[in-house]
Amino acid sequence: MSDIQITPEVRKKDKVLEPGQLELLEAFALSQAAVEATALSRLRHA
């Protein structure tokens, strides 16, 4: 269960991230969500 929320507000406010880092963070968050969804689906069908 990841608490990563990526919203347009975060994009505007967060000037600390270098170009490309936000994309990496988004990719990581998406992959984590996919892993969680897969695990949940496996549990349901077990």
N, C-alpha and C. Protein backbone atom coordinates (compact mmCIF):
# COMPACT_ATOMS: atom_id res chain seq x y z
N MET A 1 0.83 -1.19 0.00
CA MET A 1 0.00 0.00 0.00
C MET A 1 0.87 1.26 0.00
N SER A 2 1.01 1.86 -1.14
CA SER A 2 1.85 3.06 -1.20
C SER A 2 0.98 4.29 -1.08
N ASP A 3 1.50 5.31 -0.41
CA ASP A 3 0.75 6.54 -0.21
C ASP A 3 1.18 7.62 -1.19
N ILE A 4 1.82 7.20 -2.30
CA ILE A 4 2.32 8.19 -3.25
C ILE A 4 1.15 8.74 -4.07
N GLN A 5 0.93 10.02 -3.96
CA GLN A 5 -0.11 10.68 -4.74
C GLN A 5 0.58 11.73 -5.61
N ILE A 6 0.43 11.60 -6.92
CA ILE A 6 1.05 12.58 -7.81
C ILE A 6 -0.06 13.40 -8.45
N THR A 7 -0.09 14.68 -8.10
CA THR A 7 -1.15 15.56 -8.58
C THR A 7 -0.52 16.77 -9.27
N PRO A 8 -1.30 17.47 -10.07
CA PRO A 8 -0.77 18.68 -10.72
C PRO A 8 -0.24 19.70 -9.72
N GLU A 9 -0.85 19.76 -8.54
CA GLU A 9 -0.39 20.71 -7.52
C GLU A 9 1.05 20.39 -7.12
N VAL A 10 1.34 19.09 -6.98
CA VAL A 10 2.69 18.68 -6.62
C VAL A 10 3.67 19.13 -7.70
N ARG A 11 3.28 18.95 -8.96
CA ARG A 11 4.14 19.36 -10.07
C ARG A 11 4.51 20.85 -9.96
N LYS A 12 3.51 21.68 -9.69
CA LYS A 12 3.74 23.13 -9.67
C LYS A 12 4.60 23.53 -8.47
N LYS A 13 4.29 22.99 -7.31
CA LYS A 13 4.95 23.42 -6.08
C LYS A 13 6.38 22.91 -5.99
N ASP A 14 6.60 21.68 -6.43
CA ASP A 14 7.87 21.04 -6.14
C ASP A 14 8.93 21.42 -7.17
N LYS A 15 9.74 22.40 -6.83
CA LYS A 15 10.81 22.85 -7.72
C LYS A 15 12.12 22.14 -7.39
N VAL A 16 12.09 21.27 -6.39
CA VAL A 16 13.32 20.61 -5.95
C VAL A 16 13.74 19.51 -6.93
N LEU A 17 12.74 18.86 -7.52
CA LEU A 17 13.04 17.75 -8.43
C LEU A 17 13.71 18.25 -9.71
N GLU A 18 14.71 17.53 -10.12
CA GLU A 18 15.36 17.84 -11.39
C GLU A 18 14.47 17.36 -12.53
N PRO A 19 14.66 17.92 -13.74
CA PRO A 19 13.90 17.42 -14.88
C PRO A 19 14.13 15.93 -15.04
N GLY A 20 13.04 15.18 -15.23
CA GLY A 20 13.17 13.74 -15.40
C GLY A 20 12.92 12.98 -14.12
N GLN A 21 13.14 13.60 -12.98
CA GLN A 21 12.93 12.88 -11.72
C GLN A 21 11.45 12.61 -11.46
N LEU A 22 10.61 13.57 -11.83
CA LEU A 22 9.18 13.38 -11.61
C LEU A 22 8.67 12.22 -12.47
N GLU A 23 9.16 12.13 -13.70
CA GLU A 23 8.77 11.03 -14.57
C GLU A 23 9.18 9.69 -13.96
N LEU A 24 10.40 9.65 -13.39
CA LEU A 24 10.85 8.42 -12.73
C LEU A 24 9.96 8.09 -11.55
N LEU A 25 9.61 9.12 -10.78
CA LEU A 25 8.74 8.92 -9.61
C LEU A 25 7.38 8.40 -10.05
N GLU A 26 6.84 8.98 -11.13
CA GLU A 26 5.55 8.53 -11.64
C GLU A 26 5.64 7.08 -12.11
N ALA A 27 6.72 6.76 -12.82
CA ALA A 27 6.88 5.39 -13.31
C ALA A 27 6.97 4.42 -12.14
N PHE A 28 7.69 4.82 -11.09
CA PHE A 28 7.82 3.98 -9.91
C PHE A 28 6.46 3.80 -9.24
N ALA A 29 5.71 4.89 -9.09
CA ALA A 29 4.40 4.82 -8.45
C ALA A 29 3.47 3.91 -9.25
N LEU A 30 3.51 4.04 -10.58
CA LEU A 30 2.66 3.21 -11.43
C LEU A 30 3.06 1.74 -11.31
N SER A 31 4.36 1.47 -11.29
CA SER A 31 4.79 0.07 -11.19
C SER A 31 4.40 -0.50 -9.83
N GLN A 32 4.51 0.31 -8.77
CA GLN A 32 4.09 -0.15 -7.45
C GLN A 32 2.59 -0.47 -7.44
N ALA A 33 1.80 0.40 -8.06
CA ALA A 33 0.36 0.18 -8.12
C ALA A 33 0.05 -1.10 -8.89
N ALA A 34 0.78 -1.33 -9.96
CA ALA A 34 0.57 -2.54 -10.76
C ALA A 34 0.92 -3.79 -9.96
N VAL A 35 2.02 -3.72 -9.21
CA VAL A 35 2.43 -4.85 -8.38
C VAL A 35 1.36 -5.14 -7.33
N GLU A 36 0.84 -4.08 -6.71
CA GLU A 36 -0.19 -4.25 -5.69
C GLU A 36 -1.46 -4.84 -6.30
N ALA A 37 -1.86 -4.34 -7.46
CA ALA A 37 -3.07 -4.83 -8.12
C ALA A 37 -2.91 -6.30 -8.48
N THR A 38 -1.72 -6.67 -8.97
CA THR A 38 -1.46 -8.06 -9.33
C THR A 38 -1.53 -8.96 -8.09
N ALA A 39 -0.93 -8.50 -7.01
CA ALA A 39 -0.94 -9.29 -5.77
C ALA A 39 -2.37 -9.46 -5.26
N LEU A 40 -3.15 -8.38 -5.29
CA LEU A 40 -4.54 -8.47 -4.83
C LEU A 40 -5.33 -9.43 -5.70
N SER A 41 -5.13 -9.35 -7.00
CA SER A 41 -5.86 -10.21 -7.92
C SER A 41 -5.48 -11.67 -7.70
N ARG A 42 -4.20 -11.92 -7.43
CA ARG A 42 -3.77 -13.30 -7.15
C ARG A 42 -4.39 -13.82 -5.86
N LEU A 43 -4.49 -12.93 -4.85
CA LEU A 43 -5.10 -13.35 -3.59
C LEU A 43 -6.57 -13.69 -3.79
N ARG A 44 -7.25 -12.88 -4.60
CA ARG A 44 -8.67 -13.11 -4.83
C ARG A 44 -8.91 -14.43 -5.56
N HIS A 45 -8.02 -14.75 -6.50
CA HIS A 45 -8.22 -15.95 -7.32
C HIS A 45 -7.54 -17.18 -6.74
N ALA A 46 -6.91 -17.03 -5.58
CA ALA A 46 -6.18 -18.16 -5.00
C ALA A 46 -7.16 -19.26 -4.55
